[in-house]
PDB file of N, CA and C in Angstrom:
ATOM      1  N   MET A   1      45.794 -19.490 -30.229  1.00  0.00           N
ATOM      2  CA  MET A   1      45.756 -19.107 -28.830  1.00  0.00           C
ATOM      3  C   MET A   1      44.682 -18.042 -28.584  1.00  0.00           C
ATOM      4  N   GLU A   2      44.625 -17.084 -29.519  1.00  0.00           N
ATOM      5  CA  GLU A   2      43.634 -16.017 -29.378  1.00  0.00           C
ATOM      6  C   GLU A   2      42.213 -16.569 -29.487  1.00  0.00           C
ATOM      7  N   LEU A   3      42.018 -17.525 -30.372  1.00  0.00           N
ATOM      8  CA  LEU A   3      40.699 -18.145 -30.529  1.00  0.00           C
ATOM      9  C   LEU A   3      40.312 -18.897 -29.259  1.00  0.00           C
ATOM     10  N   LEU A   4      41.268 -19.592 -28.674  1.00  0.00           N
ATOM     11  CA  LEU A   4      41.013 -20.323 -27.432  1.00  0.00           C
ATOM     12  C   LEU A   4      40.628 -19.364 -26.305  1.00  0.00           C
ATOM     13  N   ARG A   5      41.319 -18.234 -26.226  1.00  0.00           N
ATOM     14  CA  ARG A   5      41.004 -17.232 -25.202  1.00  0.00           C
ATOM     15  C   ARG A   5      39.597 -16.676 -25.398  1.00  0.00           C
ATOM     16  N   ALA A   6      39.244 -16.375 -26.646  1.00  0.00           N
ATOM     17  CA  ALA A   6      37.915 -15.835 -26.940  1.00  0.00           C
ATOM     18  C   ALA A   6      36.824 -16.856 -26.619  1.00  0.00           C
ATOM     19  N   LEU A   7      37.067 -18.105 -27.007  1.00  0.00           N
ATOM     20  CA  LEU A   7      36.071 -19.150 -26.734  1.00  0.00           C
ATOM     21  C   LEU A   7      35.905 -19.397 -25.239  1.00  0.00           C
ATOM     22  N   SER A   8      37.009 -19.388 -24.496  1.00  0.00           N
ATOM     23  CA  SER A   8      36.901 -19.606 -23.047  1.00  0.00           C
ATOM     24  C   SER A   8      36.195 -18.435 -22.368  1.00  0.00           C
ATOM     25  N   LEU A   9      36.401 -17.233 -22.877  1.00  0.00           N
ATOM     26  CA  LEU A   9      35.712 -16.068 -22.319  1.00  0.00           C
ATOM     27  C   LEU A   9      34.213 -16.124 -22.604  1.00  0.00           C
ATOM     28  N   ILE A  10      33.861 -16.506 -23.811  1.00  0.00           N
ATOM     29  CA  ILE A  10      32.440 -16.634 -24.174  1.00  0.00           C
ATOM     30  C   ILE A  10      31.792 -17.750 -23.367  1.00  0.00           C
ATOM     31  N   ALA A  11      32.505 -18.862 -23.215  1.00  0.00           N
ATOM     32  CA  ALA A  11      31.971 -19.975 -22.427  1.00  0.00           C
ATOM     33  C   ALA A  11      31.794 -19.571 -20.963  1.00  0.00           C
ATOM     34  N   SER A  12      32.750 -18.836 -20.408  1.00  0.00           N
ATOM     35  CA  SER A  12      32.631 -18.372 -19.018  1.00  0.00           C
ATOM     36  C   SER A  12      31.424 -17.460 -18.849  1.00  0.00           C
ATOM     37  N   LEU A  13      31.264 -16.532 -19.783  1.00  0.00           N
ATOM     38  CA  LEU A  13      30.131 -15.616 -19.714  1.00  0.00           C
ATOM     39  C   LEU A  13      28.809 -16.377 -19.843  1.00  0.00           C
ATOM     40  N   ALA A  14      28.754 -17.345 -20.746  1.00  0.00           N
ATOM     41  CA  ALA A  14      27.537 -18.144 -20.924  1.00  0.00           C
ATOM     42  C   ALA A  14      27.224 -18.947 -19.664  1.00  0.00           C
ATOM     43  N   LEU A  15      28.257 -19.538 -19.051  1.00  0.00           N
ATOM     44  CA  LEU A  15      28.039 -20.302 -17.825  1.00  0.00           C
ATOM     45  C   LEU A  15      27.557 -19.418 -16.679  1.00  0.00           C
ATOM     46  N   ILE A  16      28.077 -18.216 -16.594  1.00  0.00           N
ATOM     47  CA  ILE A  16      27.633 -17.291 -15.544  1.00  0.00           C
ATOM     48  C   ILE A  16      26.175 -16.897 -15.765  1.00  0.00           C
ATOM     49  N   ILE A  17      25.810 -16.645 -17.011  1.00  0.00           N
ATOM     50  CA  ILE A  17      24.417 -16.277 -17.306  1.00  0.00           C
ATOM     51  C   ILE A  17      23.487 -17.456 -17.023  1.00  0.00           C
ATOM     52  N   ILE A  18      23.881 -18.638 -17.444  1.00  0.00           N
ATOM     53  CA  ILE A  18      23.055 -19.827 -17.177  1.00  0.00           C
ATOM     54  C   ILE A  18      22.967 -20.083 -15.675  1.00  0.00           C
ATOM     55  N   GLY A  19      24.118 -19.999 -15.000  1.00  0.00           N
ATOM     56  CA  GLY A  19      24.129 -20.200 -13.543  1.00  0.00           C
ATOM     57  C   GLY A  19      23.277 -19.188 -12.811  1.00  0.00           C
ATOM     58  N   GLY A  20      23.372 -17.925 -13.207  1.00  0.00           N
ATOM     59  CA  GLY A  20      22.551 -16.886 -12.591  1.00  0.00           C
ATOM     60  C   GLY A  20      21.069 -17.107 -12.828  1.00  0.00           C
ATOM     61  N   THR A  21      20.738 -17.494 -14.044  1.00  0.00           N
ATOM     62  CA  THR A  21      19.338 -17.763 -14.376  1.00  0.00           C
ATOM     63  C   THR A  21      18.780 -18.894 -13.516  1.00  0.00           C
ATOM     64  N   LEU A  22      19.532 -19.974 -13.416  1.00  0.00           N
ATOM     65  CA  LEU A  22      19.084 -21.108 -12.599  1.00  0.00           C
ATOM     66  C   LEU A  22      19.016 -20.745 -11.112  1.00  0.00           C
ATOM     67  N   PHE A  23      20.007 -19.989 -10.643  1.00  0.00           N
ATOM     68  CA  PHE A  23      20.023 -19.603  -9.231  1.00  0.00           C
ATOM     69  C   PHE A  23      18.815 -18.743  -8.874  1.00  0.00           C
ATOM     70  N   PHE A  24      18.529 -17.719  -9.663  1.00  0.00           N
ATOM     71  CA  PHE A  24      17.412 -16.828  -9.341  1.00  0.00           C
ATOM     72  C   PHE A  24      16.071 -17.523  -9.514  1.00  0.00           C
ATOM     73  N   HIS A  25      16.005 -18.447 -10.453  1.00  0.00           N
ATOM     74  CA  HIS A  25      14.779 -19.236 -10.583  1.00  0.00           C
ATOM     75  C   HIS A  25      14.554 -20.052  -9.304  1.00  0.00           C
ATOM     76  N   TRP A  26      15.619 -20.652  -8.773  1.00  0.00           N
ATOM     77  CA  TRP A  26      15.529 -21.464  -7.561  1.00  0.00           C
ATOM     78  C   TRP A  26      15.338 -20.596  -6.307  1.00  0.00           C
ATOM     79  N   ALA A  27      16.158 -19.564  -6.135  1.00  0.00           N
ATOM     80  CA  ALA A  27      16.156 -18.775  -4.896  1.00  0.00           C
ATOM     81  C   ALA A  27      14.953 -17.844  -4.785  1.00  0.00           C
ATOM     82  N   GLU A  28      14.540 -17.257  -5.895  1.00  0.00           N
ATOM     83  CA  GLU A  28      13.455 -16.270  -5.853  1.00  0.00           C
ATOM     84  C   GLU A  28      12.136 -16.807  -6.389  1.00  0.00           C
ATOM     85  N   GLY A  29      12.169 -17.950  -7.051  1.00  0.00           N
ATOM     86  CA  GLY A  29      10.941 -18.511  -7.601  1.00  0.00           C
ATOM     87  C   GLY A  29      10.456 -17.785  -8.846  1.00  0.00           C
ATOM     88  N   TRP A  30      11.334 -17.018  -9.475  1.00  0.00           N
ATOM     89  CA  TRP A  30      10.965 -16.302 -10.700  1.00  0.00           C
ATOM     90  C   TRP A  30      10.926 -17.272 -11.878  1.00  0.00           C
ATOM     91  N   SER A  31      10.242 -16.850 -12.938  1.00  0.00           N
ATOM     92  CA  SER A  31      10.230 -17.649 -14.167  1.00  0.00           C
ATOM     93  C   SER A  31      11.649 -17.647 -14.751  1.00  0.00           C
ATOM     94  N   TYR A  32      11.901 -18.556 -15.658  1.00  0.00           N
ATOM     95  CA  TYR A  32      13.222 -18.598 -16.295  1.00  0.00           C
ATOM     96  C   TYR A  32      13.502 -17.310 -17.070  1.00  0.00           C
ATOM     97  N   LEU A  33      12.467 -16.783 -17.711  1.00  0.00           N
ATOM     98  CA  LEU A  33      12.644 -15.542 -18.466  1.00  0.00           C
ATOM     99  C   LEU A  33      12.995 -14.381 -17.533  1.00  0.00           C
ATOM    100  N   ASP A  34      12.256 -14.244 -16.425  1.00  0.00           N
ATOM    101  CA  ASP A  34      12.554 -13.170 -15.470  1.00  0.00           C
ATOM    102  C   ASP A  34      13.939 -13.366 -14.849  1.00  0.00           C
ATOM    103  N   SER A  35      14.295 -14.596 -14.554  1.00  0.00           N
ATOM    104  CA  SER A  35      15.605 -14.885 -13.970  1.00  0.00           C
ATOM    105  C   SER A  35      16.724 -14.546 -14.953  1.00  0.00           C
ATOM    106  N   TYR A  36      16.531 -14.909 -16.213  1.00  0.00           N
ATOM    107  CA  TYR A  36      17.509 -14.575 -17.258  1.00  0.00           C
ATOM    108  C   TYR A  36      17.623 -13.058 -17.406  1.00  0.00           C
ATOM    109  N   PHE A  37      16.483 -12.388 -17.464  1.00  0.00           N
ATOM    110  CA  PHE A  37      16.459 -10.943 -17.610  1.00  0.00           C
ATOM    111  C   PHE A  37      17.193 -10.267 -16.449  1.00  0.00           C
ATOM    112  N   PHE A  38      16.910 -10.680 -15.228  1.00  0.00           N
ATOM    113  CA  PHE A  38      17.568 -10.102 -14.056  1.00  0.00           C
ATOM    114  C   PHE A  38      19.075 -10.360 -14.116  1.00  0.00           C
ATOM    115  N   THR A  39      19.475 -11.542 -14.535  1.00  0.00           N
ATOM    116  CA  THR A  39      20.891 -11.891 -14.645  1.00  0.00           C
ATOM    117  C   THR A  39      21.612 -10.964 -15.618  1.00  0.00           C
ATOM    118  N   VAL A  40      21.065 -10.783 -16.801  1.00  0.00           N
ATOM    119  CA  VAL A  40      21.713  -9.945 -17.811  1.00  0.00           C
ATOM    120  C   VAL A  40      21.703  -8.480 -17.389  1.00  0.00           C
ATOM    121  N   VAL A  41      20.611  -8.013 -16.839  1.00  0.00           N
ATOM    122  CA  VAL A  41      20.523  -6.627 -16.390  1.00  0.00           C
ATOM    123  C   VAL A  41      21.526  -6.365 -15.263  1.00  0.00           C
ATOM    124  N   THR A  42      21.692  -7.320 -14.374  1.00  0.00           N
ATOM    125  CA  THR A  42      22.645  -7.169 -13.278  1.00  0.00           C
ATOM    126  C   THR A  42      24.077  -7.198 -13.800  1.00  0.00           C
ATOM    127  N   LEU A  43      24.394  -8.140 -14.676  1.00  0.00           N
ATOM    128  CA  LEU A  43      25.745  -8.234 -15.237  1.00  0.00           C
ATOM    129  C   LEU A  43      26.135  -6.992 -16.020  1.00  0.00           C
ATOM    130  N   SER A  44      25.210  -6.436 -16.737  1.00  0.00           N
ATOM    131  CA  SER A  44      25.515  -5.270 -17.565  1.00  0.00           C
ATOM    132  C   SER A  44      25.478  -3.968 -16.780  1.00  0.00           C
ATOM    133  N   THR A  45      25.163  -4.029 -15.518  1.00  0.00           N
ATOM    134  CA  THR A  45      25.076  -2.887 -14.585  1.00  0.00           C
ATOM    135  C   THR A  45      23.969  -1.901 -14.953  1.00  0.00           C
ATOM    136  N   VAL A  46      23.015  -2.338 -15.750  1.00  0.00           N
ATOM    137  CA  VAL A  46      21.888  -1.463 -16.090  1.00  0.00           C
ATOM    138  C   VAL A  46      20.973  -1.311 -14.882  1.00  0.00           C
ATOM    139  N   GLY A  47      20.566  -2.416 -14.292  1.00  0.00           N
ATOM    140  CA  GLY A  47      19.770  -2.394 -13.066  1.00  0.00           C
ATOM    141  C   GLY A  47      18.459  -1.632 -13.166  1.00  0.00           C
ATOM    142  N   TYR A  48      17.520  -2.113 -13.942  1.00  0.00           N
ATOM    143  CA  TYR A  48      16.232  -1.435 -14.095  1.00  0.00           C
ATOM    144  C   TYR A  48      15.475  -1.309 -12.769  1.00  0.00           C
ATOM    145  N   GLY A  49      15.580  -2.288 -11.915  1.00  0.00           N
ATOM    146  CA  GLY A  49      14.909  -2.216 -10.621  1.00  0.00           C
ATOM    147  C   GLY A  49      13.508  -2.784 -10.602  1.00  0.00           C
ATOM    148  N   ASN A  50      13.034  -3.322 -11.723  1.00  0.00           N
ATOM    149  CA  ASN A  50      11.686  -3.888 -11.729  1.00  0.00           C
ATOM    150  C   ASN A  50      11.655  -5.283 -11.115  1.00  0.00           C
ATOM    151  N   LEU A  51      12.800  -5.939 -10.995  1.00  0.00           N
ATOM    152  CA  LEU A  51      12.922  -7.215 -10.282  1.00  0.00           C
ATOM    153  C   LEU A  51      13.969  -7.009  -9.191  1.00  0.00           C
ATOM    154  N   VAL A  52      13.595  -7.374  -7.966  1.00  0.00           N
ATOM    155  CA  VAL A  52      14.506  -7.201  -6.829  1.00  0.00           C
ATOM    156  C   VAL A  52      14.439  -8.457  -5.978  1.00  0.00           C
ATOM    157  N   PRO A  53      15.591  -9.034  -5.630  1.00  0.00           N
ATOM    158  CA  PRO A  53      15.570 -10.213  -4.763  1.00  0.00           C
ATOM    159  C   PRO A  53      14.974  -9.861  -3.400  1.00  0.00           C
ATOM    160  N   VAL A  54      14.102 -10.728  -2.891  1.00  0.00           N
ATOM    161  CA  VAL A  54      13.477 -10.474  -1.589  1.00  0.00           C
ATOM    162  C   VAL A  54      13.914 -11.472  -0.524  1.00  0.00           C
ATOM    163  N   THR A  55      14.431 -12.629  -0.942  1.00  0.00           N
ATOM    164  CA  THR A  55      14.875 -13.616   0.039  1.00  0.00           C
ATOM    165  C   THR A  55      16.318 -13.322   0.443  1.00  0.00           C
ATOM    166  N   ALA A  56      16.699 -13.791   1.624  1.00  0.00           N
ATOM    167  CA  ALA A  56      18.079 -13.607   2.084  1.00  0.00           C
ATOM    168  C   ALA A  56      19.043 -14.306   1.138  1.00  0.00           C
ATOM    169  N   MET A  57      18.699 -15.506   0.717  1.00  0.00           N
ATOM    170  CA  MET A  57      19.544 -16.257  -0.209  1.00  0.00           C
ATOM    171  C   MET A  57      19.690 -15.498  -1.533  1.00  0.00           C
ATOM    172  N   GLY A  58      18.616 -14.925  -2.023  1.00  0.00           N
ATOM    173  CA  GLY A  58      18.658 -14.155  -3.267  1.00  0.00           C
ATOM    174  C   GLY A  58      19.527 -12.923  -3.148  1.00  0.00           C
ATOM    175  N   LYS A  59      19.453 -12.234  -2.012  1.00  0.00           N
ATOM    176  CA  LYS A  59      20.265 -11.015  -1.813  1.00  0.00           C
ATOM    177  C   LYS A  59      21.749 -11.356  -1.697  1.00  0.00           C
ATOM    178  N   ILE A  60      22.070 -12.387  -0.924  1.00  0.00           N
ATOM    179  CA  ILE A  60      23.471 -12.794  -0.786  1.00  0.00           C
ATOM    180  C   ILE A  60      24.000 -13.309  -2.123  1.00  0.00           C
ATOM    181  N   GLY A  61      23.205 -14.119  -2.783  1.00  0.00           N
ATOM    182  CA  GLY A  61      23.606 -14.640  -4.093  1.00  0.00           C
ATOM    183  C   GLY A  61      23.817 -13.531  -5.103  1.00  0.00           C
ATOM    184  N   THR A  62      22.995 -12.497  -5.053  1.00  0.00           N
ATOM    185  CA  THR A  62      23.139 -11.377  -5.985  1.00  0.00           C
ATOM    186  C   THR A  62      24.463 -10.661  -5.775  1.00  0.00           C
ATOM    187  N   THR A  63      24.844 -10.426  -4.523  1.00  0.00           N
ATOM    188  CA  THR A  63      26.110  -9.727  -4.278  1.00  0.00           C
ATOM    189  C   THR A  63      27.298 -10.547  -4.763  1.00  0.00           C
ATOM    190  N   VAL A  64      27.280 -11.851  -4.506  1.00  0.00           N
ATOM    191  CA  VAL A  64      28.359 -12.711  -4.996  1.00  0.00           C
ATOM    192  C   VAL A  64      28.354 -12.729  -6.520  1.00  0.00           C
ATOM    193  N   PHE A  65      27.165 -12.845  -7.097  1.00  0.00           N
ATOM    194  CA  PHE A  65      27.006 -12.871  -8.543  1.00  0.00           C
ATOM    195  C   PHE A  65      27.543 -11.593  -9.184  1.00  0.00           C
ATOM    196  N   ILE A  66      27.301 -10.457  -8.562  1.00  0.00           N
ATOM    197  CA  ILE A  66      27.777  -9.180  -9.103  1.00  0.00           C
ATOM    198  C   ILE A  66      29.302  -9.169  -9.161  1.00  0.00           C
ATOM    199  N   PHE A  67      29.960  -9.552  -8.062  1.00  0.00           N
ATOM    200  CA  PHE A  67      31.422  -9.513  -8.038  1.00  0.00           C
ATOM    201  C   PHE A  67      32.047 -10.478  -9.044  1.00  0.00           C
ATOM    202  N   VAL A  68      31.527 -11.678  -9.102  1.00  0.00           N
ATOM    203  CA  VAL A  68      32.084 -12.672 -10.020  1.00  0.00           C
ATOM    204  C   VAL A  68      31.720 -12.334 -11.467  1.00  0.00           C
ATOM    205  N   GLY A  69      30.458 -12.096 -11.702  1.00  0.00           N
ATOM    206  CA  GLY A  69      29.981 -11.861 -13.064  1.00  0.00           C
ATOM    207  C   GLY A  69      30.476 -10.573 -13.670  1.00  0.00           C
ATOM    208  N   LEU A  70      30.542  -9.534 -12.877  1.00  0.00           N
ATOM    209  CA  LEU A  70      30.984  -8.252 -13.410  1.00  0.00           C
ATOM    210  C   LEU A  70      32.438  -8.313 -13.845  1.00  0.00           C
ATOM    211  N   GLY A  71      33.248  -9.072 -13.108  1.00  0.00           N
ATOM    212  CA  GLY A  71      34.650  -9.237 -13.507  1.00  0.00           C
ATOM    213  C   GLY A  71      34.772  -9.897 -14.862  1.00  0.00           C
ATOM    214  N   VAL A  72      34.039 -10.975 -15.058  1.00  0.00           N
ATOM    215  CA  VAL A  72      34.084 -11.683 -16.343  1.00  0.00           C
ATOM    216  C   VAL A  72      33.496 -10.806 -17.447  1.00  0.00           C
ATOM    217  N   PHE A  73      32.410 -10.109 -17.164  1.00  0.00           N
ATOM    218  CA  PHE A  73      31.777  -9.225 -18.149  1.00  0.00           C
ATOM    219  C   PHE A  73      32.741  -8.106 -18.550  1.00  0.00           C
ATOM    220  N   ALA A  74      33.441  -7.524 -17.579  1.00  0.00           N
ATOM    221  CA  ALA A  74      34.400  -6.447 -17.859  1.00  0.00           C
ATOM    222  C   ALA A  74      35.557  -6.954 -18.718  1.00  0.00           C
ATOM    223  N   VAL A  75      36.053  -8.143 -18.429  1.00  0.00           N
ATOM    224  CA  VAL A  75      37.136  -8.717 -19.237  1.00  0.00           C
ATOM    225  C   VAL A  75      36.644  -8.969 -20.660  1.00  0.00           C
ATOM    226  N   ALA A  76      35.410  -9.449 -20.806  1.00  0.00           N
ATOM    227  CA  ALA A  76      34.856  -9.691 -22.145  1.00  0.00           C
ATOM    228  C   ALA A  76      34.772  -8.388 -22.939  1.00  0.00           C
ATOM    229  N   ILE A  77      34.304  -7.328 -22.319  1.00  0.00           N
ATOM    230  CA  ILE A  77      34.217  -6.022 -22.989  1.00  0.00           C
ATOM    231  C   ILE A  77      35.619  -5.528 -23.365  1.00  0.00           C
ATOM    232  N   GLN A  78      36.573  -5.666 -22.443  1.00  0.00           N
ATOM    233  CA  GLN A  78      37.948  -5.233 -22.695  1.00  0.00           C
ATOM    234  C   GLN A  78      38.558  -6.016 -23.850  1.00  0.00           C
ATOM    235  N   GLN A  79      38.345  -7.317 -23.883  1.00  0.00           N
ATOM    236  CA  GLN A  79      38.900  -8.143 -24.952  1.00  0.00           C
ATOM    237  C   GLN A  79      38.287  -7.787 -26.310  1.00  0.00           C
ATOM    238  N   PHE A  80      36.994  -7.498 -26.312  1.00  0.00           N
ATOM    239  CA  PHE A  80      36.346  -7.091 -27.557  1.00  0.00           C
ATOM    240  C   PHE A  80      36.926  -5.766 -28.044  1.00  0.00           C
ATOM    241  N   GLY A  81      37.107  -4.824 -27.140  1.00  0.00           N
ATOM    242  CA  GLY A  81      37.705  -3.533 -27.505  1.00  0.00           C
ATOM    243  C   GLY A  81      39.123  -3.696 -28.012  1.00  0.00           C
ATOM    244  N   SER A  82      39.886  -4.554 -27.380  1.00  0.00           N
ATOM    245  CA  SER A  82      41.260  -4.816 -27.803  1.00  0.00           C
ATOM    246  C   SER A  82      41.288  -5.433 -29.194  1.00  0.00           C
ATOM    247  N   PHE A  83      40.391  -6.375 -29.445  1.00  0.00           N
ATOM    248  CA  PHE A  83      40.297  -7.013 -30.758  1.00  0.00           C
ATOM    249  C   PHE A  83      39.939  -5.984 -31.833  1.00  0.00           C
ATOM    250  N   ALA A  84      38.947  -5.137 -31.542  1.00  0.00           N
ATOM    251  CA  ALA A  84      38.516  -4.124 -32.510  1.00  0.00           C
ATOM    252  C   ALA A  84      39.649  -3.141 -32.807  1.00  0.00           C
ATOM    253  N   THR A  85      40.378  -2.735 -31.783  1.00  0.00           N
ATOM    254  CA  THR A  85      41.496  -1.813 -31.967  1.00  0.00           C
ATOM    255  C   THR A  85      42.600  -2.462 -32.796  1.00  0.00           C
ATOM    256  N   ARG A  86      42.910  -3.712 -32.507  1.00  0.00           N
ATOM    257  CA  ARG A  86      43.951  -4.422 -33.253  1.00  0.00           C
ATOM    258  C   ARG A  86      43.565  -4.553 -34.729  1.00  0.00           C
ATOM    259  N   LYS A  87      42.312  -4.884 -34.997  1.00  0.00           N
ATOM    260  CA  LYS A  87      41.866  -5.006 -36.392  1.00  0.00           C
ATOM    261  C   LYS A  87      41.917  -3.656 -37.110  1.00  0.00           C
ATOM    262  N   ARG A  88      41.554  -2.585 -36.408  1.00  0.00           N
ATOM    263  CA  ARG A  88      41.617  -1.253 -37.011  1.00  0.00           C
ATOM    264  C   ARG A  88      43.065  -0.897 -37.348  1.00  0.00           C
ATOM    265  N   ASN A  89      43.993  -1.202 -36.448  1.00  0.00           N
ATOM    266  CA  ASN A  89      45.405  -0.914 -36.695  1.00  0.00           C
ATOM    267  C   ASN A  89      45.941  -1.738 -37.859  1.00  0.00           C
ATOM    268  N   GLU A  90      45.553  -3.012 -37.936  1.00  0.00           N
ATOM    269  CA  GLU A  90      45.983  -3.855 -39.046  1.00  0.00           C
ATOM    270  C   GLU A  90      45.464  -3.306 -40.371  1.00  0.00           C
ATOM    271  N   HIS A  91      44.236  -2.848 -40.378  1.00  0.00           N
ATOM    272  CA  HIS A  91      43.655  -2.284 -41.597  1.00  0.00           C
ATOM    273  C   HIS A  91      44.381  -0.997 -41.983  1.00  0.00           C
ATOM    274  N   THR A  92      44.688  -0.166 -41.011  1.00  0.00           N
ATOM    275  CA  THR A  92      45.406   1.080 -41.284  1.00  0.00           C
ATOM    276  C   THR A  92      46.787   0.775 -41.863  1.00  0.00           C
ATOM    277  N   GLU A  93      47.492  -0.191 -41.285  1.00  0.00           N
ATOM    278  CA  GLU A  93      48.802  -0.581 -41.802  1.00  0.00           C
ATOM    279  C   GLU A  93      48.684  -1.112 -43.223  1.00  0.00           C
ATOM    280  N   TRP A  94      47.647  -1.884 -43.491  1.00  0.00           N
ATOM    281  CA  TRP A  94      47.428  -2.404 -44.839  1.00  0.00           C
ATOM    282  C   TRP A  94      47.201  -1.263 -45.827  1.00  0.00           C
ATOM    283  N   LEU A  95      46.392  -0.284 -45.425  1.00  0.00           N
ATOM    284  CA  LEU A  95      46.121   0.855 -46.305  1.00  0.00           C
ATOM    285  C   LEU A  95      47.387   1.649 -46.590  1.00  0.00           C
ATOM    286  N   VAL A  96      48.159   1.909 -45.555  1.00  0.00           N
ATOM    287  CA  VAL A  96      49.395   2.673 -45.729  1.00  0.00           C
ATOM    288  C   VAL A  96      50.350   1.921 -46.651  1.00  0.00           C
ATOM    289  N   ALA A  97      50.493   0.614 -46.458  1.00  0.00           N
ATOM    290  CA  ALA A  97      51.368  -0.186 -47.316  1.00  0.00           C
ATOM    291  C   ALA A  97      50.868  -0.178 -48.756  1.00  0.00           C
ATOM    292  N   ARG A  98      49.587  -0.265 -48.919  1.00  0.00           N
ATOM    293  CA  ARG A  98      49.016  -0.292 -50.278  1.00  0.00           C
ATOM    294  C   ARG A  98      49.208   1.042 -50.979  1.00  0.00           C
ATOM    295  N   LEU A  99      49.038   2.129 -50.256  1.00  0.00           N
ATOM    296  CA  LEU A  99      49.211   3.450 -50.866  1.00  0.00           C
ATOM    297  C   LEU A  99      50.660   3.700 -51.256  1.00  0.00           C
ATOM    298  N   GLY A 100      51.588   3.128 -50.530  1.00  0.00           N
ATOM    299  CA  GLY A 100      52.989   3.373 -50.807  1.00  0.00           C
ATOM    300  C   GLY A 100      53.633   2.385 -51.748  1.00  0.00           C
ATOM    301  N   GLN A 101      52.888   1.410 -52.294  1.00  0.00           N
ATOM    302  CA  GLN A 101      53.491   0.358 -53.120  1.00  0.00           C
ATOM    303  C   GLN A 101      54.078   0.904 -54.415  1.00  0.00           C
ATOM    304  N   HIS A 102      53.223   1.377 -55.315  1.00  0.00           N
ATOM    305  CA  HIS A 102      53.693   1.817 -56.629  1.00  0.00           C
ATOM    306  C   HIS A 102      52.943   3.072 -57.031  1.00  0.00           C
ATOM    307  N   GLU A 103      53.731   4.041 -57.450  1.00  0.00           N
ATOM    308  CA  GLU A 103      53.112   5.300 -57.871  1.00  0.00           C
ATOM    309  C   GLU A 103      52.292   5.125 -59.135  1.00  0.00           C
ATOM    310  N   GLU A 104      52.722   4.206 -60.043  1.00  0.00           N
ATOM    311  CA  GLU A 104      52.011   4.060 -61.316  1.00  0.00           C
ATOM    312  C   GLU A 104      50.642   3.428 -61.162  1.00  0.00           C
ATOM    313  N   HIS A 105      50.304   2.920 -59.988  1.00  0.00           N
ATOM    314  CA  HIS A 105      48.978   2.353 -59.761  1.00  0.00           C
ATOM    315  C   HIS A 105      48.008   3.383 -59.201  1.00  0.00           C
ATOM    316  N   SER A 106      48.366   4.644 -59.283  1.00  0.00           N
ATOM    317  CA  SER A 106      47.485   5.682 -58.756  1.00  0.00           C
ATOM    318  C   SER A 106      46.202   5.730 -59.567  1.00  0.00           C
ATOM    319  N   ALA A 107      45.166   6.250 -58.945  1.00  0.00           N
ATOM    320  CA  ALA A 107      43.858   6.304 -59.594  1.00  0.00           C
ATOM    321  C   ALA A 107      43.894   7.176 -60.845  1.00  0.00           C
ATOM    322  N   ASN A 108      44.608   8.269 -60.813  1.00  0.00           N
ATOM    323  CA  ASN A 108      44.753   9.110 -61.984  1.00  0.00           C
ATOM    324  C   ASN A 108      46.130   9.782 -61.947  1.00  0.00           C
ATOM    325  N   ARG A 109      46.535  10.375 -63.062  1.00  0.00           N
ATOM    326  CA  ARG A 109      47.899  10.904 -63.172  1.00  0.00           C
ATOM    327  C   ARG A 109      48.154  12.036 -62.181  1.00  0.00           C
ATOM    328  N   ASP A 110      47.128  12.716 -61.742  1.00  0.00           N
ATOM    329  CA  ASP A 110      47.328  13.802 -60.778  1.00  0.00           C
ATOM    330  C   ASP A 110      47.825  13.286 -59.435  1.00  0.00           C
ATOM    331  N   ASP A 111      47.579  11.999 -59.165  1.00  0.00           N
ATOM    332  CA  ASP A 111      48.023  11.430 -57.894  1.00  0.00           C
ATOM    333  C   ASP A 111      49.512  11.086 -57.884  1.00  0.00           C
ATOM    334  N   ILE A 112      50.125  11.023 -59.067  1.00  0.00           N
ATOM    335  CA  ILE A 112      51.541  10.686 -59.147  1.00  0.00           C
ATOM    336  C   ILE A 112      52.351  11.942 -58.827  1.00  0.00           C
ATOM    337  N   PRO A 113      53.301  11.835 -57.903  1.00  0.00           N
ATOM    338  CA  PRO A 113      54.105  13.017 -57.572  1.00  0.00           C
ATOM    339  C   PRO A 113      54.851  13.518 -58.806  1.00  0.00           C
ATOM    340  N   HIS A 114      54.956  14.816 -58.917  1.00  0.00           N
ATOM    341  CA  HIS A 114      55.607  15.434 -60.076  1.00  0.00           C
ATOM    342  C   HIS A 114      57.118  15.306 -59.953  1.00  0.00           C
ATOM    343  N   HIS A 115      57.732  14.747 -60.995  1.00  0.00           N
ATOM    344  CA  HIS A 115      59.186  14.670 -61.075  1.00  0.00           C
ATOM    345  C   HIS A 115      59.599  15.539 -62.257  1.00  0.00           C
ATOM    346  N   PRO A 116      60.377  16.550 -61.999  1.00  0.00           N
ATOM    347  CA  PRO A 116      60.767  17.428 -63.128  1.00  0.00           C
ATOM    348  C   PRO A 116      61.543  16.632 -64.191  1.00  0.00           C
ATOM    349  N   ARG A 117      61.246  16.944 -65.450  1.00  0.00           N
ATOM    350  CA  ARG A 117      61.939  16.278 -66.544  1.00  0.00           C
ATOM    351  C   ARG A 117      63.323  16.863 -66.703  1.00  0.00           C
ATOM    352  N   LYS A 118      64.196  16.008 -67.152  1.00  0.00           N
ATOM    353  CA  LYS A 118      65.518  16.496 -67.523  1.00  0.00           C
ATOM    354  C   LYS A 118      65.399  17.136 -68.892  1.00  0.00           C
ATOM    355  N   PRO A 119      66.223  18.102 -69.190  1.00  0.00           N
ATOM    356  CA  PRO A 119      66.066  18.825 -70.478  1.00  0.00           C
ATOM    357  C   PRO A 119      66.111  17.919 -71.713  1.00  0.00           C
ATOM    358  N   HIS A 120      66.816  16.827 -71.683  1.00  0.00           N
ATOM    359  CA  HIS A 120      66.935  15.981 -72.873  1.00  0.00           C
ATOM    360  C   HIS A 120      65.825  14.939 -72.979  1.00  0.00           C
ATOM    361  N   GLU A 121      64.909  14.848 -71.976  1.00  0.00           N
ATOM    362  CA  GLU A 121      63.840  13.852 -72.023  1.00  0.00           C
ATOM    363  C   GLU A 121      62.656  14.401 -72.808  1.00  0.00           C
ATOM    364  N   PRO A 122      62.065  13.570 -73.672  1.00  0.00           N
ATOM    365  CA  PRO A 122      60.869  14.034 -74.414  1.00  0.00           C
ATOM    366  C   PRO A 122      59.667  14.086 -73.481  1.00  0.00           C
ATOM    367  N   LYS A 123      58.712  14.924 -73.881  1.00  0.00           N
ATOM    368  CA  LYS A 123      57.455  14.989 -73.124  1.00  0.00           C
ATOM    369  C   LYS A 123      56.700  13.679 -73.268  1.00  0.00           C
ATOM    370  N   SER A 124      55.948  13.306 -72.229  1.00  0.00           N
ATOM    371  CA  SER A 124      55.173  12.084 -72.347  1.00  0.00           C
ATOM    372  C   SER A 124      53.754  12.383 -72.711  1.00  0.00           C
TER     373      SER A 124
END
């Protein structure tokens, strides 16, 4: 289920980028590279300002594109952060479980907690 969610999010983001690239190429007459660049810069909210829509269709399309694309981009960032946090927690749990398994697997004898000997036990 998680893989399906990730793939659908990546596919949505790719479709928005492709759609934006094609739209700006058509509406503004920009090259595909400039249209792609403007699409990614707009989605990421960087907004360099070196490309600006001048046609009415380009300006209206940009505002719609921002609302739709930014939502999908924000969800993608959130999902990536959630995945990274979950993996970090799983790793931490694994480490804690591994450290608590067996005292005799410690790296050296100093790591083993000291248990006082009973008077009748021989020294080891």
